[in-house]
Amino acid sequence: MTLPDRVWVDRDLPLQDAKVITPLSGPASISGQLPLGYRGIETPDRKRALVEWGSAIVAEQEGRDPVFGIVDELSTDGDWLNVGAGGFTSYPQGMPWTGPQLSSTKIDPLDVVRAIWDRLQSYESGDLGVVVGEGRSLKYLGKPEGKELTAAKRFQAYMQEQLDYTKEQAEGDAQLVEQYATKALAAAGLPKGGLLIRQQSAPTGDKRSKRNLWFKGNADGLLGGYTWNGKKWVELSTAKFNAASDWFFEWLDQKEVLKDSKAMYSKTKTEFNDAKSKVNDLSDQKADPYQLNWWETHDLGSVISDLARETPFEFREETKWVGDDALSHRIVLGVPEFGVRREDLR
């Protein structure tokens, strides 16, 4: 039979000294010798039929299911052709995992086996029609994230939102403080960037600037507004004073708002850092997923063998006729082994 198209070439192959072995949890083995002329046997479309990994042998013994083997060894011995074939479960041997990563913090080892066969048979010319049997091991690979860590990360995310919000509030309040100061200065005819000064006595020193606005007074009230002309403080007109003082009081009020929002931001930042530290303290509860990926997983046959040993479970190949020409292939599973009673399934 050719693979993967499964075209029969010879239904009565004269395999001499044939040996058929059907081990548990491993691929079947078919070996023997053919007359050397079979090396050149051809398919109906004139292609070589007996080639390694491109053909299969089916061995039959009366009263038993057929045994299917993929030809994986051909060598000459005088007038004879030595032939070796491995059961269909040899297919994963030496095959890497390709495509999207498999990653799970809770997956039954038998589901990993199913995923491997699904992946292998999704390849072009890779579908052997193998079905992995039913069954659960009730064991799991991978480590889920701890509940405490999950809760801590959720709270950290919440505090991050609060931190972003309070930071935005503080930044917005700071912008309003600057805007109100600019409007107060503009009302007095001054450019942006000067100081707003409130005190009883005239400012001296470097406070005497053409950019600064002085309000004479204290917390109880203002008596007037002044700008510096380079020689002396000049009092504002009533209209300018009224407009500038209105914005000045808006500025004072907004400074108090900014003070509160900064305090809230500082408090929230402390709480966020505490939440972040809590997550770090629970690092031992991090998830540890079971993974198959293309850069590390290079032999899926070894993966299945390791899972069978560590879980444990057993498997065997099962091939049956479907009509006169077709074959079905099934991997039958036994957990923890064939013939053992599972008390936990009662």
Protein backbone atom coordinates (compact mmCIF):
# COMPACT_ATOMS: atom_id res chain seq x y z
CA MET A 1 0.00 0.00 0.00
CA THR A 2 1.29 3.44 -0.92
CA LEU A 3 1.20 6.35 1.51
CA PRO A 4 -0.39 8.76 2.04
CA ASP A 5 -2.89 7.99 -0.75
CA ARG A 6 -3.37 4.35 0.45
CA VAL A 7 -3.41 2.68 -2.96
CA TRP A 8 -3.00 -1.09 -2.93
CA VAL A 9 -0.08 -2.36 -4.99
CA ASP A 10 0.12 -6.02 -3.93
CA ARG A 11 -2.46 -7.79 -1.77
CA ASP A 12 -0.38 -11.00 -1.47
CA LEU A 13 3.14 -9.84 -0.61
CA PRO A 14 5.42 -12.92 -0.33
CA LEU A 15 7.27 -11.76 2.80
CA GLN A 16 9.67 -14.51 3.86
CA ASP A 17 10.87 -15.21 7.43
CA ALA A 18 8.27 -12.73 8.56
CA LYS A 19 8.27 -11.55 12.14
CA VAL A 20 5.37 -9.58 13.57
CA ILE A 21 5.68 -8.05 17.03
CA THR A 22 2.90 -6.08 18.71
CA PRO A 23 4.29 -4.61 21.93
CA LEU A 24 2.36 -2.70 24.54
CA SER A 25 2.83 1.08 24.53
CA GLY A 26 4.95 1.01 21.42
CA PRO A 27 4.74 0.63 17.66
CA ALA A 28 4.26 -2.76 16.07
CA SER A 29 7.13 -4.24 14.11
CA ILE A 30 6.99 -6.17 10.85
CA SER A 31 10.17 -7.55 9.30
CA GLY A 32 11.13 -10.08 6.67
CA GLN A 33 12.57 -10.56 3.21
CA LEU A 34 11.23 -10.12 -0.29
CA PRO A 35 12.71 -11.23 -3.59
CA LEU A 36 15.02 -8.46 -4.78
CA GLY A 37 12.77 -7.77 -7.75
CA TYR A 38 10.24 -6.20 -5.44
CA ARG A 39 12.61 -3.27 -5.11
CA GLY A 40 11.33 -2.06 -8.47
CA ILE A 41 7.62 -2.71 -7.98
CA GLU A 42 5.59 0.22 -9.29
CA THR A 43 2.30 1.94 -8.61
CA PRO A 44 -0.38 2.13 -11.31
CA ASP A 45 1.02 5.54 -12.31
CA ARG A 46 4.53 4.09 -12.79
CA LYS A 47 6.12 5.35 -9.56
CA ARG A 48 8.20 3.23 -7.21
CA ALA A 49 5.84 1.70 -4.69
CA LEU A 50 8.16 0.25 -2.07
CA VAL A 51 9.90 3.27 -0.53
CA GLU A 52 10.77 4.20 3.03
CA TRP A 53 8.06 6.32 4.70
CA GLY A 54 6.03 6.21 1.51
CA SER A 55 4.56 2.74 1.71
CA ALA A 56 3.02 0.36 4.23
CA ILE A 57 2.74 -3.37 4.83
CA VAL A 58 -0.29 -5.08 6.35
CA ALA A 59 0.35 -8.39 8.08
CA GLU A 60 -2.53 -10.78 8.70
CA GLN A 61 -2.74 -13.74 11.01
CA GLU A 62 -5.82 -15.91 11.16
CA GLY A 63 -8.17 -14.94 13.95
CA ARG A 64 -6.36 -11.70 14.72
CA ASP A 65 -6.69 -8.08 13.69
CA PRO A 66 -4.38 -6.97 10.89
CA VAL A 67 -1.10 -5.31 11.84
CA PHE A 68 -0.16 -2.15 9.96
CA GLY A 69 3.45 -1.10 9.47
CA ILE A 70 5.00 1.92 7.75
CA VAL A 71 8.06 0.82 5.78
CA ASP A 72 11.04 2.48 7.43
CA GLU A 73 13.95 0.25 6.42
CA LEU A 74 14.99 -1.27 3.09
CA SER A 75 18.33 -2.95 2.41
CA THR A 76 19.64 -5.57 0.00
CA ASP A 77 21.10 -8.93 1.00
CA GLY A 78 22.20 -10.81 -2.08
CA ASP A 79 19.05 -11.76 -3.99
CA TRP A 80 16.85 -10.60 -1.18
CA LEU A 81 15.44 -7.31 -0.03
CA ASN A 82 15.31 -6.86 3.74
CA VAL A 83 12.17 -5.00 4.77
CA GLY A 84 11.36 -3.41 8.11
CA ALA A 85 8.16 -1.59 9.03
CA GLY A 86 7.00 0.13 12.20
CA GLY A 87 3.46 0.50 13.47
CA PHE A 88 1.61 3.76 12.97
CA THR A 89 2.51 4.96 16.47
CA SER A 90 6.09 5.31 15.21
CA TYR A 91 4.96 8.31 13.19
CA PRO A 92 5.59 10.87 16.00
CA GLN A 93 9.16 9.64 16.56
CA GLY A 94 11.62 12.37 15.68
CA MET A 95 8.84 14.73 14.61
CA PRO A 96 8.93 18.29 16.01
CA TRP A 97 6.00 20.33 17.22
CA THR A 98 5.18 23.01 14.66
CA GLY A 99 2.59 25.72 14.43
CA PRO A 100 1.00 27.58 17.35
CA GLN A 101 2.31 26.84 20.82
CA LEU A 102 0.32 24.49 23.03
CA SER A 103 0.25 25.98 26.51
CA SER A 104 -2.03 25.03 29.37
CA THR A 105 -1.97 25.26 33.15
CA LYS A 106 -4.35 22.31 33.44
CA ILE A 107 -4.41 19.66 30.74
CA ASP A 108 -4.91 15.91 30.90
CA PRO A 109 -1.85 14.05 29.51
CA LEU A 110 -4.19 12.08 27.24
CA ASP A 111 -5.40 15.35 25.74
CA VAL A 112 -1.76 16.20 25.01
CA VAL A 113 -1.49 12.91 23.09
CA ARG A 114 -4.65 13.80 21.16
CA ALA A 115 -3.29 17.28 20.41
CA ILE A 116 -0.04 15.77 19.10
CA TRP A 117 -1.88 13.44 16.74
CA ASP A 118 -4.21 16.22 15.60
CA ARG A 119 -1.16 18.37 14.82
CA LEU A 120 0.75 15.63 12.99
CA GLN A 121 -2.23 14.63 10.88
CA SER A 122 -2.94 18.24 9.95
CA TYR A 123 0.24 18.31 7.87
CA GLU A 124 0.02 17.96 4.13
CA SER A 125 0.25 14.23 3.31
CA GLY A 126 0.37 13.50 7.04
CA ASP A 127 -3.11 12.13 7.68
CA LEU A 128 -2.94 8.40 8.42
CA GLY A 129 -6.51 8.32 9.67
CA VAL A 130 -5.39 7.55 13.23
CA VAL A 131 -7.96 8.10 15.97
CA VAL A 132 -6.90 8.38 19.61
CA GLY A 133 -9.30 6.48 21.83
CA GLU A 134 -11.43 7.82 24.62
CA GLY A 135 -10.38 7.99 28.24
CA ARG A 136 -9.21 10.36 30.95
CA SER A 137 -6.27 10.01 33.28
CA LEU A 138 -7.75 12.37 35.89
CA LYS A 139 -4.27 13.82 36.27
CA TYR A 140 -3.17 17.18 34.99
CA LEU A 141 -0.08 18.78 33.59
CA GLY A 142 0.79 22.39 34.28
CA LYS A 143 0.34 24.49 37.38
CA PRO A 144 -2.48 27.03 37.57
CA GLU A 145 -1.86 30.42 39.10
CA GLY A 146 -2.50 30.51 42.86
CA LYS A 147 -5.76 32.08 44.03
CA GLU A 148 -3.96 34.57 46.27
CA LEU A 149 -1.76 35.72 43.40
CA THR A 150 -4.75 36.03 41.08
CA ALA A 151 -6.53 38.20 43.65
CA ALA A 152 -3.38 40.25 44.25
CA LYS A 153 -2.89 40.85 40.53
CA ARG A 154 -6.52 41.84 40.16
CA PHE A 155 -6.13 44.35 43.00
CA GLN A 156 -2.89 45.66 41.48
CA ALA A 157 -4.70 46.23 38.19
CA TYR A 158 -7.45 48.08 40.06
CA MET A 159 -4.88 50.25 41.86
CA GLN A 160 -3.17 50.94 38.53
CA GLU A 161 -6.47 52.32 37.25
CA GLN A 162 -6.82 54.45 40.38
CA LEU A 163 -3.24 55.66 40.06
CA ASP A 164 -3.77 56.64 36.44
CA TYR A 165 -6.99 58.43 37.39
CA THR A 166 -5.50 60.39 40.31
CA LYS A 167 -2.44 61.28 38.22
CA GLU A 168 -4.70 62.58 35.46
CA GLN A 169 -6.68 64.57 38.04
CA ALA A 170 -3.54 66.12 39.53
CA GLU A 171 -2.18 66.98 36.10
CA GLY A 172 -5.51 68.54 35.13
CA ASP A 173 -5.63 70.58 38.34
CA ALA A 174 -2.05 71.75 37.78
CA GLN A 175 -3.00 72.93 34.30
CA LEU A 176 -5.93 74.90 35.74
CA VAL A 177 -3.63 76.54 38.30
CA GLU A 178 -1.39 77.66 35.46
CA GLN A 179 -4.35 78.81 33.36
CA TYR A 180 -5.87 80.90 36.17
CA ALA A 181 -2.50 82.50 36.91
CA THR A 182 -2.10 83.32 33.21
CA LYS A 183 -5.60 84.85 33.10
CA ALA A 184 -4.92 86.96 36.20
CA LEU A 185 -1.70 88.27 34.65
CA ALA A 186 -3.40 88.86 31.31
CA ALA A 187 -6.18 90.85 33.02
CA ALA A 188 -3.45 93.14 34.35
CA GLY A 189 -1.82 93.38 30.92
CA LEU A 190 1.10 91.09 31.79
CA PRO A 191 2.51 88.12 29.85
CA LYS A 192 2.37 84.49 30.92
CA GLY A 193 4.92 83.26 33.42
CA GLY A 194 5.03 86.04 36.00
CA LEU A 195 4.46 85.70 39.74
CA LEU A 196 1.26 86.46 41.61
CA ILE A 197 2.23 88.09 44.92
CA ARG A 198 -0.05 88.89 47.84
CA GLN A 199 1.42 90.89 50.71
CA GLN A 200 0.91 94.15 52.59
CA SER A 201 4.24 95.78 51.78
CA ALA A 202 5.61 96.45 48.33
CA PRO A 203 7.74 93.61 47.00
CA THR A 204 11.47 94.25 46.84
CA GLY A 205 14.51 92.62 45.32
CA ASP A 206 14.03 90.27 42.40
CA LYS A 207 10.26 90.29 42.99
CA ARG A 208 10.25 93.73 41.41
CA SER A 209 9.77 92.48 37.88
CA LYS A 210 7.77 93.80 34.97
CA ARG A 211 6.29 90.28 34.70
CA ASN A 212 4.92 90.10 38.26
CA LEU A 213 1.56 91.18 39.65
CA TRP A 214 1.34 92.41 43.26
CA PHE A 215 -1.92 92.38 45.18
CA LYS A 216 -1.71 94.55 48.27
CA GLY A 217 -3.51 92.83 51.14
CA ASN A 218 -3.80 89.55 52.99
CA ALA A 219 -6.21 86.69 53.53
CA ASP A 220 -8.82 89.13 54.81
CA GLY A 221 -8.98 91.07 51.56
CA LEU A 222 -7.19 92.99 48.80
CA LEU A 223 -6.64 96.75 48.77
CA GLY A 224 -5.33 97.06 45.23
CA GLY A 225 -3.27 95.59 42.42
CA TYR A 226 0.08 96.81 41.09
CA THR A 227 2.56 96.20 38.29
CA TRP A 228 6.23 97.23 38.20
CA ASN A 229 7.22 99.72 35.49
CA GLY A 230 10.93 99.46 36.10
CA LYS A 231 11.02 102.27 38.64
CA LYS A 232 7.99 101.89 40.84
CA TRP A 233 4.83 99.91 41.47
CA VAL A 234 1.92 101.33 39.48
CA GLU A 235 -1.63 100.73 40.68
CA LEU A 236 -4.07 99.00 38.32
CA SER A 237 -7.26 100.62 37.18
CA THR A 238 -10.43 99.50 38.97
CA ALA A 239 -11.55 97.45 35.96
CA LYS A 240 -8.22 95.68 35.62
CA PHE A 241 -7.98 95.12 39.37
CA ASN A 242 -11.46 93.60 39.54
CA ALA A 243 -10.79 91.26 36.62
CA ALA A 244 -7.31 90.29 37.81
CA SER A 245 -8.42 89.75 41.42
CA ASP A 246 -11.30 87.51 40.33
CA TRP A 247 -8.84 85.23 38.54
CA PHE A 248 -6.43 85.55 41.46
CA PHE A 249 -9.02 84.10 43.85
CA GLU A 250 -9.83 81.36 41.32
CA TRP A 251 -6.11 80.64 41.26
CA LEU A 252 -5.92 80.46 45.06
CA ASP A 253 -8.89 78.10 45.25
CA GLN A 254 -7.48 75.90 42.50
CA LYS A 255 -4.15 75.68 44.32
CA GLU A 256 -5.98 74.12 47.26
CA VAL A 257 -7.68 71.69 44.90
CA LEU A 258 -4.28 70.84 43.43
CA LYS A 259 -2.85 70.32 46.90
CA ASP A 260 -5.59 67.78 47.66
CA SER A 261 -5.26 66.00 44.32
CA LYS A 262 -1.49 65.74 44.73
CA ALA A 263 -2.00 64.26 48.18
CA MET A 264 -4.49 61.77 46.78
CA TYR A 265 -2.10 60.84 43.98
CA SER A 266 0.72 60.33 46.49
CA LYS A 267 -1.51 58.17 48.69
CA THR A 268 -2.69 56.12 45.73
CA LYS A 269 0.87 55.66 44.51
CA THR A 270 1.83 54.25 47.90
CA GLU A 271 -1.14 51.87 47.82
CA PHE A 272 -0.24 50.83 44.28
CA ASN A 273 3.36 50.10 45.28
CA ASP A 274 2.08 48.04 48.22
CA ALA A 275 -0.16 46.09 45.83
CA LYS A 276 2.77 45.56 43.46
CA SER A 277 4.94 44.31 46.32
CA LYS A 278 2.18 41.88 47.31
CA VAL A 279 2.23 40.41 43.79
CA ASN A 280 6.02 40.07 43.95
CA ASP A 281 5.81 38.39 47.36
CA LEU A 282 3.49 35.75 45.87
CA SER A 283 5.77 34.94 42.93
CA ASP A 284 5.89 31.30 44.07
CA GLN A 285 2.22 31.08 43.05
CA LYS A 286 2.92 31.94 39.41
CA ALA A 287 1.37 29.72 36.79
CA ASP A 288 3.67 27.14 35.26
CA PRO A 289 2.00 25.97 32.05
CA TYR A 290 2.74 22.72 30.28
CA GLN A 291 3.98 23.65 26.82
CA LEU A 292 4.79 22.22 23.44
CA ASN A 293 6.52 24.67 21.14
CA TRP A 294 8.53 24.63 17.96
CA TRP A 295 11.78 25.90 19.50
CA GLU A 296 12.02 23.25 22.25
CA THR A 297 9.89 20.25 21.30
CA HIS A 298 11.78 18.24 18.67
CA ASP A 299 10.64 14.64 19.25
CA LEU A 300 6.93 14.12 19.81
CA GLY A 301 7.44 10.38 20.08
CA SER A 302 9.58 10.92 23.17
CA VAL A 303 6.94 13.28 24.57
CA ILE A 304 4.28 10.56 24.31
CA SER A 305 6.60 7.94 25.82
CA ASP A 306 7.44 10.22 28.74
CA LEU A 307 3.78 10.97 29.36
CA ALA A 308 2.90 7.27 29.28
CA ARG A 309 5.59 6.51 31.87
CA GLU A 310 4.93 9.47 34.18
CA THR A 311 1.10 9.58 34.17
CA PRO A 312 1.00 6.52 33.81
CA PHE A 313 -1.03 5.02 30.99
CA GLU A 314 -0.62 2.29 28.41
CA PHE A 315 -1.60 2.21 24.77
CA ARG A 316 -1.78 -0.27 21.94
CA GLU A 317 -2.34 -0.07 18.23
CA GLU A 318 -5.59 -1.36 16.78
CA THR A 319 -6.10 -1.76 13.04
CA LYS A 320 -9.30 -3.15 11.55
CA TRP A 321 -10.68 -3.73 8.09
CA VAL A 322 -13.38 -1.39 6.85
CA GLY A 323 -14.92 -3.28 3.97
CA ASP A 324 -12.48 -5.12 1.72
CA ASP A 325 -9.97 -2.37 0.97
CA ALA A 326 -9.90 0.27 3.68
CA LEU A 327 -8.34 0.18 7.14
CA SER A 328 -9.09 2.05 10.34
CA HIS A 329 -6.37 2.84 12.89
CA ARG A 330 -7.02 3.48 16.53
CA ILE A 331 -4.82 4.06 19.58
CA VAL A 332 -6.51 2.25 22.45
CA LEU A 333 -5.72 3.69 25.88
CA GLY A 334 -5.48 1.95 29.24
CA VAL A 335 -5.33 4.00 32.45
CA PRO A 336 -3.25 3.39 34.46
CA GLU A 337 -2.86 0.13 32.53
CA PHE A 338 -5.00 -2.37 30.68
CA GLY A 339 -7.11 -4.56 32.93
CA VAL A 340 -6.70 -2.46 36.11
CA ARG A 341 -9.85 -1.45 37.97
CA ARG A 342 -10.27 2.30 38.43
CA GLU A 343 -11.84 2.71 41.89
CA ASP A 344 -12.18 6.46 41.38
CA LEU A 345 -14.54 5.91 38.43
CA ARG A 346 -17.17 3.97 40.40
